[in-house]
Amino acid sequence: MFTFLSNLLRKKRVKNDALLDRNSDDFRMQNVQFVSFLQKSGFRKQQLDRHEKTKRFKKFVAVAFGWIICGGALWVVVESAQALELF
C-alpha cells in the first residue's frame, strides 16, 4: 500500500531536450539559470495544462486518502481503549 502511494506522489524525471544539451559547462549553466528564472517568475502557474491538473488531483487524492486512513486508525485505537476500560 505504501509503495502504491509513493508511486503516485513520485515526481517524474525531467529529460533534457536534445537541442539544448550541449557539451560545454557554460551552456549547461545558462540552461540552469534560465530554468531558475522561469520558476521564480511564476511561469505557467496560471495556465495549467491537463497533465498538471491531473497530477495535482492525484496528489490531493493520495494525501486525503492518507489522512482518512490515519483518522480511521486513530478511531480504532480510541475505541479499543474505551472497550478495554470497561472490562
Protein backbone atom coordinates (compact mmCIF):
# COMPACT_ATOMS: atom_id res chain seq x y z
CA MET A 1 0.00 0.00 0.00
CA PHE A 2 2.83 2.37 0.89
CA THR A 3 4.58 1.59 -2.40
CA PHE A 4 1.41 2.37 -4.34
CA LEU A 5 1.03 5.76 -2.63
CA SER A 6 4.71 6.62 -3.06
CA ASN A 7 4.45 5.83 -6.78
CA LEU A 8 1.52 8.25 -7.06
CA LEU A 9 3.46 11.04 -5.40
CA ARG A 10 6.80 10.44 -7.12
CA LYS A 11 7.90 13.21 -9.45
CA LYS A 12 8.84 12.20 -12.95
CA ARG A 13 12.41 12.82 -14.02
CA VAL A 14 12.77 15.76 -16.39
CA LYS A 15 14.63 14.82 -19.53
CA ASN A 16 16.86 17.33 -21.26
CA ASP A 17 15.97 18.45 -24.74
CA ALA A 18 18.47 17.16 -27.31
CA LEU A 19 18.78 20.61 -28.90
CA LEU A 20 19.58 22.29 -25.60
CA ASP A 21 22.03 19.68 -24.34
CA ARG A 22 25.46 20.90 -25.40
CA ASN A 23 28.80 19.61 -24.16
CA SER A 24 30.11 22.87 -22.69
CA ASP A 25 29.67 23.60 -19.00
CA ASP A 26 28.80 27.25 -19.69
CA PHE A 27 25.83 26.26 -21.83
CA ARG A 28 24.51 23.96 -19.12
CA MET A 29 24.89 26.72 -16.54
CA GLN A 30 22.89 29.07 -18.76
CA ASN A 31 20.11 26.48 -19.01
CA VAL A 32 20.01 26.10 -15.23
CA GLN A 33 19.85 29.86 -14.77
CA PHE A 34 17.07 30.15 -17.34
CA VAL A 35 15.01 27.41 -15.69
CA SER A 36 15.59 29.05 -12.30
CA PHE A 37 14.39 32.36 -13.73
CA LEU A 38 11.24 30.71 -15.10
CA GLN A 39 10.49 29.10 -11.75
CA LYS A 40 10.96 32.34 -9.82
CA SER A 41 8.87 34.35 -12.25
CA GLY A 42 5.90 32.00 -11.87
CA PHE A 43 5.96 30.74 -15.44
CA ARG A 44 2.81 28.72 -16.27
CA LYS A 45 1.34 28.89 -12.81
CA GLN A 46 -1.87 30.39 -14.12
CA GLN A 47 -2.37 28.28 -17.25
CA LEU A 48 -2.05 24.71 -16.13
CA ASP A 49 -2.45 22.09 -18.79
CA ARG A 50 -4.43 18.90 -18.37
CA HIS A 51 -1.40 16.86 -17.28
CA GLU A 52 -0.54 19.25 -14.45
CA LYS A 53 -4.16 19.33 -13.26
CA THR A 54 -4.24 15.54 -13.24
CA LYS A 55 -1.01 15.38 -11.25
CA ARG A 56 -2.32 17.84 -8.67
CA PHE A 57 -5.59 15.95 -8.36
CA LYS A 58 -3.80 12.62 -7.86
CA LYS A 59 -1.62 14.15 -5.17
CA PHE A 60 -4.67 15.63 -3.43
CA VAL A 61 -6.47 12.27 -3.53
CA ALA A 62 -3.41 10.45 -2.17
CA VAL A 63 -2.99 12.93 0.70
CA ALA A 64 -6.73 12.83 1.51
CA PHE A 65 -6.65 9.02 1.48
CA GLY A 66 -3.66 9.06 3.83
CA TRP A 67 -5.48 11.35 6.27
CA ILE A 68 -8.58 9.13 6.15
CA ILE A 69 -6.50 6.03 6.89
CA CYS A 70 -4.72 7.77 9.79
CA GLY A 71 -8.05 9.01 11.16
CA GLY A 72 -9.52 5.51 10.94
CA ALA A 73 -6.54 4.01 12.74
CA LEU A 74 -6.82 6.64 15.47
CA TRP A 75 -10.52 5.91 15.84
CA VAL A 76 -9.84 2.17 16.23
CA VAL A 77 -7.23 2.89 18.90
CA VAL A 78 -9.57 5.16 20.85
CA GLU A 79 -12.49 2.72 20.62
CA SER A 80 -10.26 -0.18 21.69
CA ALA A 81 -9.00 1.81 24.67
CA GLN A 82 -12.56 2.64 25.70
CA ALA A 83 -13.62 -1.02 25.34
CA LEU A 84 -10.70 -2.20 27.45
CA GLU A 85 -11.51 0.45 30.02
CA LEU A 86 -14.99 -1.06 30.55
CA PHE A 87 -13.66 -4.56 31.20
